[in-house]
Amino acid sequence: MDIEAIIWFAAVARLGSFAEAARYLKQPSSNVSRRIAKLEADLGYKLMQRTTRSLVLTEQGRQLLPMAQRLTDTQTEVKEWQQSQQEEPAGVLRITAPGSFSRGPFNDWLLNYRKAYPKVKTELIHSNDYLDFQQHQLDVAFRQGPLGDSTLIAKRLFGIEYGVFANPEWLASQSVAKCLTDLLKLPLICVGVKGQTLPWRFKSQTLHPKTPDMLFDDPEQCVRAAVAGLGCTYTSRFDVRDALKNGTLIEVFPEQKAEPVNFYMVYAEREYISKKTQSFLRFIEQEVESFAGQEGVVV
């Protein structure tokens, strides 16, 4: 029996198409289709019904899928075990992190890691989404809390302070904001994910801006717009540290600052962890120690 074909079947079922599974497996689509067709012939059952637009598992396919997934997990564990036996870290390390963090402190951390471990190749995915570890073949992810329940290990690195900031000259030209809800009457510059604004969290309440005047997926663009006097923005104190120092931004309602939002380093819980992942986790923990004391960062 073709065990690898069963693992490929799990990938097709999980991703919902042969084309996506082929990209994930780094195989031509024809190879994946042919191997699974041969698997179905060996088993004597159709595992899935295929059309040009959809893929539906048969009853036998639904029964096989949990076993196929366990084989996939075992294959991953064997790879991790093999790499944990290496004398020194090597291989490809796949990481995902939010865009602003990737372009900020993490950029230097990653460069320093590559200098220290030149045999490890790194692939970084900029994403504000919580990408699936298996689908994207991730080793480590950086995520901002709160995190949902997961089988993954989430190690807190630091907390990030958030607040509302505005150009002082622009703010003086606006109606006085006496309470938090008055902010919603002002021009707002928001960070969003897939076109949806993120909430503004304060000590006493949470605001949900619905129709911002400007919407970006990058906090740096929000900061630049606020400095230009185009509205007020809600972002981390770390992102506005330079603007606060030179006076081009001030904090609005600083007494309403919420508790810091935790930032985590996330990785899979396994008995054996590859040398490349072990070295990366230790290296980042050391870099975070030197990160303490930055504006808006609570270690």
Protein backbone atom coordinates (compact mmCIF):
# COMPACT_ATOMS: atom_id res chain seq x y z
CA MET A 1 0.00 0.00 0.00
CA ASP A 2 1.24 3.50 -0.88
CA ILE A 3 1.54 5.19 2.54
CA GLU A 4 2.75 8.46 1.02
CA ALA A 5 -0.37 8.56 -1.19
CA ILE A 6 -2.50 8.36 1.97
CA ILE A 7 -0.63 11.37 3.33
CA TRP A 8 -1.21 13.17 0.05
CA PHE A 9 -4.91 12.32 0.32
CA ALA A 10 -5.00 14.04 3.71
CA ALA A 11 -3.48 17.17 2.15
CA VAL A 12 -6.06 17.21 -0.66
CA ALA A 13 -8.92 16.74 1.81
CA ARG A 14 -7.60 19.45 4.14
CA LEU A 15 -6.95 22.02 1.40
CA GLY A 16 -10.03 21.21 -0.63
CA SER A 17 -8.42 20.93 -4.04
CA PHE A 18 -5.77 19.03 -5.95
CA ALA A 19 -4.14 22.24 -7.16
CA GLU A 20 -3.69 23.61 -3.62
CA ALA A 21 -2.44 20.26 -2.36
CA ALA A 22 0.06 20.02 -5.24
CA ARG A 23 1.46 23.45 -4.33
CA TYR A 24 1.67 22.43 -0.68
CA LEU A 25 3.36 19.12 -1.54
CA LYS A 26 5.58 20.77 -4.16
CA GLN A 27 4.43 18.24 -6.74
CA PRO A 28 2.83 18.52 -10.19
CA SER A 29 -0.97 18.24 -9.97
CA SER A 30 -0.86 15.28 -12.36
CA ASN A 31 1.36 13.35 -9.93
CA VAL A 32 -0.99 13.95 -7.00
CA SER A 33 -4.06 13.00 -9.02
CA ARG A 34 -2.43 9.86 -10.39
CA ARG A 35 -1.14 8.64 -7.01
CA ILE A 36 -4.51 9.09 -5.31
CA ALA A 37 -6.33 7.40 -8.19
CA LYS A 38 -3.94 4.45 -7.78
CA LEU A 39 -4.60 4.51 -4.00
CA GLU A 40 -8.35 4.33 -4.64
CA ALA A 41 -7.80 1.39 -6.99
CA ASP A 42 -5.66 -0.43 -4.38
CA LEU A 43 -8.24 0.15 -1.65
CA GLY A 44 -11.17 -0.69 -3.88
CA TYR A 45 -13.12 2.45 -2.93
CA LYS A 46 -13.57 5.97 -4.25
CA LEU A 47 -12.32 8.39 -1.62
CA MET A 48 -13.68 11.60 -3.11
CA GLN A 49 -16.06 12.86 -5.74
CA ARG A 50 -14.38 15.42 -7.98
CA THR A 51 -15.98 18.07 -10.18
CA THR A 52 -14.51 21.15 -11.84
CA ARG A 53 -15.69 23.28 -8.90
CA SER A 54 -15.82 21.09 -5.82
CA LEU A 55 -14.37 18.11 -4.03
CA VAL A 56 -16.49 16.02 -1.65
CA LEU A 57 -15.29 13.05 0.39
CA THR A 58 -17.16 9.79 0.06
CA GLU A 59 -18.16 7.84 3.17
CA GLN A 60 -14.98 5.77 2.81
CA GLY A 61 -12.95 8.97 2.38
CA ARG A 62 -14.41 10.42 5.61
CA GLN A 63 -13.53 7.22 7.45
CA LEU A 64 -9.95 7.15 6.11
CA LEU A 65 -9.23 10.84 6.77
CA PRO A 66 -8.53 10.61 10.56
CA MET A 67 -6.07 7.77 9.95
CA ALA A 68 -4.46 9.70 7.09
CA GLN A 69 -4.10 12.72 9.35
CA ARG A 70 -2.39 10.63 12.02
CA LEU A 71 0.06 9.40 9.37
CA THR A 72 0.71 13.01 8.39
CA ASP A 73 1.40 13.94 12.02
CA THR A 74 3.73 10.97 12.39
CA GLN A 75 5.63 11.94 9.24
CA THR A 76 6.12 15.44 10.66
CA GLU A 77 7.30 14.04 14.00
CA VAL A 78 9.84 11.80 12.25
CA LYS A 79 11.20 14.79 10.33
CA GLU A 80 11.47 16.80 13.55
CA TRP A 81 13.20 13.86 15.29
CA GLN A 82 15.66 13.51 12.41
CA GLN A 83 16.51 17.21 12.51
CA SER A 84 16.81 17.14 16.31
CA GLN A 85 19.69 14.66 15.93
CA GLN A 86 21.77 17.01 13.76
CA GLU A 87 25.08 18.21 15.14
CA GLU A 88 24.22 21.81 14.27
CA PRO A 89 21.11 23.70 13.10
CA ALA A 90 20.39 23.38 9.38
CA GLY A 91 17.49 23.26 6.96
CA VAL A 92 14.67 25.66 6.11
CA LEU A 93 12.95 27.59 8.92
CA ARG A 94 9.49 28.94 8.01
CA ILE A 95 8.22 31.83 10.11
CA THR A 96 5.18 34.07 10.05
CA ALA A 97 4.83 37.44 11.77
CA PRO A 98 2.69 40.58 11.49
CA GLY A 99 3.93 43.00 8.86
CA SER A 100 4.74 45.89 11.20
CA PHE A 101 6.70 43.61 13.57
CA SER A 102 8.52 42.00 10.62
CA ARG A 103 9.63 45.39 9.30
CA GLY A 104 10.42 46.63 12.80
CA PRO A 105 12.52 44.93 15.48
CA PHE A 106 12.18 41.43 14.06
CA ASN A 107 14.00 42.41 10.87
CA ASP A 108 17.28 42.93 12.73
CA TRP A 109 16.70 39.86 14.90
CA LEU A 110 16.29 37.66 11.83
CA LEU A 111 19.40 39.08 10.18
CA ASN A 112 21.41 38.49 13.35
CA TYR A 113 20.11 34.93 13.57
CA ARG A 114 21.21 34.19 9.99
CA LYS A 115 24.68 35.50 10.78
CA ALA A 116 24.87 33.22 13.81
CA TYR A 117 23.43 30.16 12.00
CA PRO A 118 24.36 30.40 8.30
CA LYS A 119 23.28 26.82 7.54
CA VAL A 120 19.65 27.63 8.34
CA LYS A 121 17.70 29.10 5.45
CA THR A 122 14.79 31.31 6.52
CA GLU A 123 11.43 31.98 4.88
CA LEU A 124 9.33 34.78 6.39
CA ILE A 125 5.61 35.23 5.69
CA HIS A 126 4.20 38.66 6.52
CA SER A 127 0.64 38.12 7.74
CA ASN A 128 -1.70 39.53 10.36
CA ASP A 129 -3.78 36.33 10.12
CA TYR A 130 -3.30 33.29 12.35
CA LEU A 131 -1.99 31.02 9.61
CA ASP A 132 -2.41 27.26 9.97
CA PHE A 133 0.87 25.61 10.95
CA GLN A 134 0.35 22.48 8.91
CA GLN A 135 -1.06 24.10 5.79
CA HIS A 136 1.74 26.67 5.61
CA GLN A 137 4.45 24.30 6.92
CA LEU A 138 5.37 26.72 9.69
CA ASP A 139 8.02 26.23 12.36
CA VAL A 140 7.41 29.40 14.39
CA ALA A 141 4.77 32.13 14.42
CA PHE A 142 4.65 35.50 16.17
CA ARG A 143 1.15 36.45 17.26
CA GLN A 144 -0.56 39.12 19.27
CA GLY A 145 -3.02 38.01 21.95
CA PRO A 146 -5.41 37.06 23.23
CA LEU A 147 -4.92 33.64 21.68
CA GLY A 148 -7.59 30.96 21.34
CA ASP A 149 -7.26 27.44 22.70
CA SER A 150 -4.68 25.49 20.76
CA THR A 151 -2.37 22.51 20.85
CA LEU A 152 0.44 24.95 20.07
CA ILE A 153 2.83 26.31 22.67
CA ALA A 154 2.57 30.10 23.07
CA LYS A 155 5.50 31.74 24.89
CA ARG A 156 4.88 35.33 25.98
CA LEU A 157 7.67 37.62 24.83
CA PHE A 158 6.44 41.04 25.95
CA GLY A 159 3.40 43.28 26.27
CA ILE A 160 2.56 46.20 23.97
CA GLU A 161 0.86 49.40 25.18
CA TYR A 162 -1.76 50.93 22.90
CA GLY A 163 -3.38 54.35 22.80
CA VAL A 164 -4.93 57.07 20.63
CA PHE A 165 -2.58 59.63 19.10
CA ALA A 166 -3.05 62.82 17.12
CA ASN A 167 -1.13 65.79 15.75
CA PRO A 168 -1.39 68.45 18.50
CA GLU A 169 -2.04 71.33 16.07
CA TRP A 170 -4.75 69.33 14.28
CA LEU A 171 -6.29 68.28 17.60
CA ALA A 172 -6.48 71.91 18.76
CA SER A 173 -8.55 72.75 15.68
CA GLN A 174 -11.17 70.08 16.48
CA SER A 175 -14.07 70.05 18.90
CA VAL A 176 -12.94 69.09 22.38
CA ALA A 177 -13.31 65.34 23.04
CA LYS A 178 -14.70 65.09 26.58
CA CYS A 179 -15.19 61.32 26.63
CA LEU A 180 -14.02 58.30 24.66
CA THR A 181 -17.14 58.08 22.50
CA ASP A 182 -16.49 61.65 21.31
CA LEU A 183 -13.53 60.21 19.40
CA LEU A 184 -15.98 58.58 17.00
CA LYS A 185 -17.09 62.07 15.88
CA LEU A 186 -13.55 62.94 14.74
CA PRO A 187 -11.78 61.86 11.53
CA LEU A 188 -10.37 58.42 12.30
CA ILE A 189 -7.37 56.59 10.86
CA CYS A 190 -7.68 52.85 11.52
CA VAL A 191 -5.78 49.62 11.12
CA GLY A 192 -7.82 46.88 9.50
CA VAL A 193 -7.59 43.24 8.51
CA LYS A 194 -9.26 42.27 5.23
CA GLY A 195 -11.16 45.55 5.19
CA GLN A 196 -12.48 45.23 8.75
CA THR A 197 -11.40 47.78 11.36
CA LEU A 198 -9.79 46.50 14.53
CA PRO A 199 -11.34 47.55 17.86
CA TRP A 200 -9.93 50.38 19.99
CA ARG A 201 -9.51 48.99 23.52
CA PHE A 202 -9.39 51.22 26.60
CA LYS A 203 -9.43 50.71 30.35
CA SER A 204 -13.15 51.41 30.70
CA GLN A 205 -14.59 50.38 27.34
CA THR A 206 -13.95 49.25 23.76
CA LEU A 207 -14.82 51.32 20.71
CA HIS A 208 -15.65 49.81 17.34
CA PRO A 209 -15.08 52.39 14.57
CA LYS A 210 -17.33 51.49 11.65
CA THR A 211 -16.56 54.02 8.92
CA PRO A 212 -13.01 55.34 9.33
CA ASP A 213 -11.82 58.19 7.14
CA MET A 214 -8.68 56.20 6.32
CA LEU A 215 -8.12 52.45 6.63
CA PHE A 216 -4.71 50.77 6.33
CA ASP A 217 -3.37 47.29 7.05
CA ASP A 218 -0.04 48.77 8.16
CA PRO A 219 0.23 50.77 11.44
CA GLU A 220 3.17 52.74 10.02
CA GLN A 221 0.88 54.28 7.39
CA CYS A 222 -1.61 55.19 10.11
CA VAL A 223 1.11 56.96 12.05
CA ARG A 224 2.22 58.94 9.01
CA ALA A 225 -1.36 59.99 8.29
CA ALA A 226 -1.85 61.12 11.88
CA VAL A 227 1.40 63.11 11.83
CA ALA A 228 0.14 64.80 8.65
CA GLY A 229 -2.93 66.01 10.59
CA LEU A 230 -5.50 63.84 8.83
CA GLY A 231 -7.12 62.44 11.98
CA CYS A 232 -6.43 60.50 15.14
CA THR A 233 -5.24 56.90 15.18
CA TYR A 234 -5.15 53.99 17.60
CA THR A 235 -1.84 52.16 17.59
CA SER A 236 1.00 50.98 19.81
CA ARG A 237 3.22 53.43 21.66
CA PHE A 238 6.20 51.65 20.13
CA ASP A 239 5.02 52.57 16.63
CA VAL A 240 4.73 56.27 17.57
CA ARG A 241 7.85 56.50 19.76
CA ASP A 242 9.72 58.83 17.39
CA ALA A 243 6.66 61.04 16.81
CA LEU A 244 6.11 61.34 20.57
CA LYS A 245 9.74 62.37 21.09
CA ASN A 246 9.69 65.10 18.44
CA GLY A 247 6.22 66.31 19.41
CA THR A 248 4.46 65.65 16.10
CA LEU A 249 2.00 63.39 17.96
CA ILE A 250 0.50 63.47 21.44
CA GLU A 251 -1.59 60.88 23.28
CA VAL A 252 -5.31 61.47 23.68
CA PHE A 253 -6.98 60.18 26.90
CA PRO A 254 -3.74 58.68 28.29
CA GLU A 255 -5.54 57.97 31.58
CA GLN A 256 -7.75 55.48 29.69
CA LYS A 257 -4.81 53.36 28.52
CA ALA A 258 -5.70 49.65 28.66
CA GLU A 259 -3.52 46.85 29.98
CA PRO A 260 -0.71 45.90 27.59
CA VAL A 261 -1.56 43.39 24.85
CA ASN A 262 0.66 40.32 25.06
CA PHE A 263 2.83 39.28 22.12
CA TYR A 264 3.73 35.60 21.76
CA MET A 265 6.17 33.29 20.02
CA VAL A 266 4.22 30.18 18.97
CA TYR A 267 5.46 26.74 17.96
CA ALA A 268 4.19 23.17 17.82
CA GLU A 269 4.27 20.99 20.90
CA ARG A 270 6.40 17.95 20.05
CA GLU A 271 8.53 15.44 21.90
CA TYR A 272 11.42 16.24 19.57
CA ILE A 273 12.09 19.77 18.30
CA SER A 274 14.48 20.31 15.40
CA LYS A 275 17.85 21.91 16.05
CA LYS A 276 16.93 24.84 13.78
CA THR A 277 13.77 25.58 15.79
CA GLN A 278 15.54 25.13 19.15
CA SER A 279 18.29 27.54 18.16
CA PHE A 280 15.80 30.09 16.85
CA LEU A 281 13.66 30.01 20.01
CA ARG A 282 16.70 30.54 22.23
CA PHE A 283 18.05 33.29 20.00
CA ILE A 284 14.78 35.26 20.03
CA GLU A 285 14.53 35.02 23.81
CA GLN A 286 17.99 36.60 24.05
CA GLU A 287 17.04 39.36 21.62
CA VAL A 288 13.90 40.15 23.61
CA GLU A 289 15.99 40.75 26.73
CA SER A 290 17.74 43.62 24.95
CA PHE A 291 14.35 44.87 23.72
CA ALA A 292 13.26 45.74 27.27
CA GLY A 293 12.92 49.46 28.00
CA GLN A 294 11.71 50.46 24.54
CA GLU A 295 8.82 52.92 24.46
CA GLY A 296 5.51 51.11 24.91
CA VAL A 297 7.10 47.68 25.46
CA VAL A 298 6.58 45.83 28.76
CA VAL A 299 8.80 42.77 29.21
